[in-house]
Amino acid sequence: MDRAKECRDILTQAGINSQSSIDFDVNGEVMSLTLDYIIDTYMQASLESQLVFLRALQKAAESNEMGIEQFFEGMGKLLLMTQLSEKFGG
């Protein structure tokens, strides 16, 4: 099965819309990332990273909806930090 679809299925089972977005404050500017964007970005990584992401999402889902929200907040922050680091040559 497609790992991105597995991630979206976990969200659906938890009653969470994958088109939902999370807002992040980046130096006073609000950046919004959808859960779909976060999933799709991580699914471009290595197979091992994809499997780690999927397993971590499964664990978050087992802990309840708040676990999923915290998971995506953390993964979104990590994406933004990586993008900013690449942007500024870090």
C-alpha atoms as a PDB file:
ATOM      1  CA  MET A   1       0.000   0.000   0.000  1.00  0.00           C
ATOM      2  CA  ASP A   2       1.095   3.545  -0.697  1.00  0.00           C
ATOM      3  CA  ARG A   3       2.590   4.992   2.508  1.00  0.00           C
ATOM      4  CA  ALA A   4       1.112   8.463   1.887  1.00  0.00           C
ATOM      5  CA  LYS A   5      -2.328   6.862   1.576  1.00  0.00           C
ATOM      6  CA  GLU A   6      -1.714   4.932   4.795  1.00  0.00           C
ATOM      7  CA  CYS A   7      -0.970   8.241   6.540  1.00  0.00           C
ATOM      8  CA  ARG A   8      -4.143   9.820   5.167  1.00  0.00           C
ATOM      9  CA  ASP A   9      -6.156   6.751   6.187  1.00  0.00           C
ATOM     10  CA  ILE A  10      -4.892   7.147   9.764  1.00  0.00           C
ATOM     11  CA  LEU A  11      -6.089  10.763   9.734  1.00  0.00           C
ATOM     12  CA  THR A  12      -9.469   9.780   8.297  1.00  0.00           C
ATOM     13  CA  GLN A  13      -9.929   7.102  10.958  1.00  0.00           C
ATOM     14  CA  ALA A  14      -9.179   9.737  13.605  1.00  0.00           C
ATOM     15  CA  GLY A  15     -11.707  12.144  12.054  1.00  0.00           C
ATOM     16  CA  ILE A  16      -9.031  14.588  10.898  1.00  0.00           C
ATOM     17  CA  ASN A  17      -9.146  16.226   7.457  1.00  0.00           C
ATOM     18  CA  SER A  18      -5.781  15.995   5.685  1.00  0.00           C
ATOM     19  CA  GLN A  19      -6.503  19.404   4.118  1.00  0.00           C
ATOM     20  CA  SER A  20      -6.419  20.961   7.598  1.00  0.00           C
ATOM     21  CA  SER A  21      -3.579  23.387   8.087  1.00  0.00           C
ATOM     22  CA  ILE A  22      -1.321  24.315  10.958  1.00  0.00           C
ATOM     23  CA  ASP A  23      -0.105  27.888  11.371  1.00  0.00           C
ATOM     24  CA  PHE A  24       3.483  28.570  12.381  1.00  0.00           C
ATOM     25  CA  ASP A  25       5.018  31.891  13.391  1.00  0.00           C
ATOM     26  CA  VAL A  26       8.288  32.349  11.515  1.00  0.00           C
ATOM     27  CA  ASN A  27       9.963  35.610  12.506  1.00  0.00           C
ATOM     28  CA  GLY A  28       6.598  37.317  12.895  1.00  0.00           C
ATOM     29  CA  GLU A  29       5.238  35.939   9.620  1.00  0.00           C
ATOM     30  CA  VAL A  30       2.501  33.300   9.695  1.00  0.00           C
ATOM     31  CA  MET A  31       3.252  30.253   7.571  1.00  0.00           C
ATOM     32  CA  SER A  32       0.510  27.651   7.054  1.00  0.00           C
ATOM     33  CA  LEU A  33       1.221  24.050   6.134  1.00  0.00           C
ATOM     34  CA  THR A  34      -1.505  21.551   5.337  1.00  0.00           C
ATOM     35  CA  LEU A  35      -1.249  18.058   6.735  1.00  0.00           C
ATOM     36  CA  ASP A  36      -1.221  16.825   3.120  1.00  0.00           C
ATOM     37  CA  TYR A  37       1.823  18.996   2.385  1.00  0.00           C
ATOM     38  CA  ILE A  38       3.645  17.678   5.441  1.00  0.00           C
ATOM     39  CA  ILE A  39       2.847  14.073   4.483  1.00  0.00           C
ATOM     40  CA  ASP A  40       3.812  14.568   0.827  1.00  0.00           C
ATOM     41  CA  THR A  41       7.090  16.245   1.750  1.00  0.00           C
ATOM     42  CA  TYR A  42       8.149  13.456   4.092  1.00  0.00           C
ATOM     43  CA  MET A  43       7.124  10.853   1.514  1.00  0.00           C
ATOM     44  CA  GLN A  44       9.788  12.296  -0.823  1.00  0.00           C
ATOM     45  CA  ALA A  45      12.476  11.188   1.637  1.00  0.00           C
ATOM     46  CA  SER A  46      14.230   7.817   1.709  1.00  0.00           C
ATOM     47  CA  LEU A  47      12.220   4.639   2.201  1.00  0.00           C
ATOM     48  CA  GLU A  48      13.589   4.330   5.732  1.00  0.00           C
ATOM     49  CA  SER A  49      12.495   7.889   6.574  1.00  0.00           C
ATOM     50  CA  GLN A  50       9.049   7.233   5.125  1.00  0.00           C
ATOM     51  CA  LEU A  51       8.658   4.158   7.301  1.00  0.00           C
ATOM     52  CA  VAL A  52       9.834   6.045  10.397  1.00  0.00           C
ATOM     53  CA  PHE A  53       7.314   8.829   9.668  1.00  0.00           C
ATOM     54  CA  LEU A  54       4.483   6.330   9.172  1.00  0.00           C
ATOM     55  CA  ARG A  55       5.332   4.379  12.330  1.00  0.00           C
ATOM     56  CA  ALA A  56       5.580   7.576  14.392  1.00  0.00           C
ATOM     57  CA  LEU A  57       2.190   8.702  13.056  1.00  0.00           C
ATOM     58  CA  GLN A  58       0.717   5.312  13.980  1.00  0.00           C
ATOM     59  CA  LYS A  59       2.086   5.702  17.516  1.00  0.00           C
ATOM     60  CA  ALA A  60       0.663   9.241  17.734  1.00  0.00           C
ATOM     61  CA  ALA A  61      -2.732   7.949  16.593  1.00  0.00           C
ATOM     62  CA  GLU A  62      -2.693   5.302  19.311  1.00  0.00           C
ATOM     63  CA  SER A  63      -2.218   8.006  21.940  1.00  0.00           C
ATOM     64  CA  ASN A  64      -5.361   9.948  20.765  1.00  0.00           C
ATOM     65  CA  GLU A  65      -6.194  12.892  18.483  1.00  0.00           C
ATOM     66  CA  MET A  66      -4.060  15.320  20.480  1.00  0.00           C
ATOM     67  CA  GLY A  67      -1.110  13.033  19.792  1.00  0.00           C
ATOM     68  CA  ILE A  68      -1.691  13.378  16.050  1.00  0.00           C
ATOM     69  CA  GLU A  69      -1.938  17.160  16.300  1.00  0.00           C
ATOM     70  CA  GLN A  70       1.295  17.371  18.280  1.00  0.00           C
ATOM     71  CA  PHE A  71       2.972  14.999  15.836  1.00  0.00           C
ATOM     72  CA  PHE A  72       2.118  17.203  12.848  1.00  0.00           C
ATOM     73  CA  GLU A  73       3.074  20.382  14.702  1.00  0.00           C
ATOM     74  CA  GLY A  74       6.490  18.880  15.420  1.00  0.00           C
ATOM     75  CA  MET A  75       6.984  17.554  11.891  1.00  0.00           C
ATOM     76  CA  GLY A  76       5.885  20.890  10.411  1.00  0.00           C
ATOM     77  CA  LYS A  77       8.351  22.786  12.604  1.00  0.00           C
ATOM     78  CA  LEU A  78      11.109  20.437  11.510  1.00  0.00           C
ATOM     79  CA  LEU A  79      10.231  21.023   7.842  1.00  0.00           C
ATOM     80  CA  LEU A  80      10.245  24.787   8.286  1.00  0.00           C
ATOM     81  CA  MET A  81      13.577  24.728  10.130  1.00  0.00           C
ATOM     82  CA  THR A  82      15.079  22.594   7.361  1.00  0.00           C
ATOM     83  CA  GLN A  83      13.744  24.899   4.645  1.00  0.00           C
ATOM     84  CA  LEU A  84      15.020  28.006   6.436  1.00  0.00           C
ATOM     85  CA  SER A  85      18.399  26.385   6.985  1.00  0.00           C
ATOM     86  CA  GLU A  86      18.684  25.547   3.278  1.00  0.00           C
ATOM     87  CA  LYS A  87      17.488  29.026   2.310  1.00  0.00           C
ATOM     88  CA  PHE A  88      20.197  30.705   4.362  1.00  0.00           C
ATOM     89  CA  GLY A  89      22.927  28.252   3.427  1.00  0.00           C
ATOM     90  CA  GLY A  90      23.082  26.565   6.823  1.00  0.00           C
END
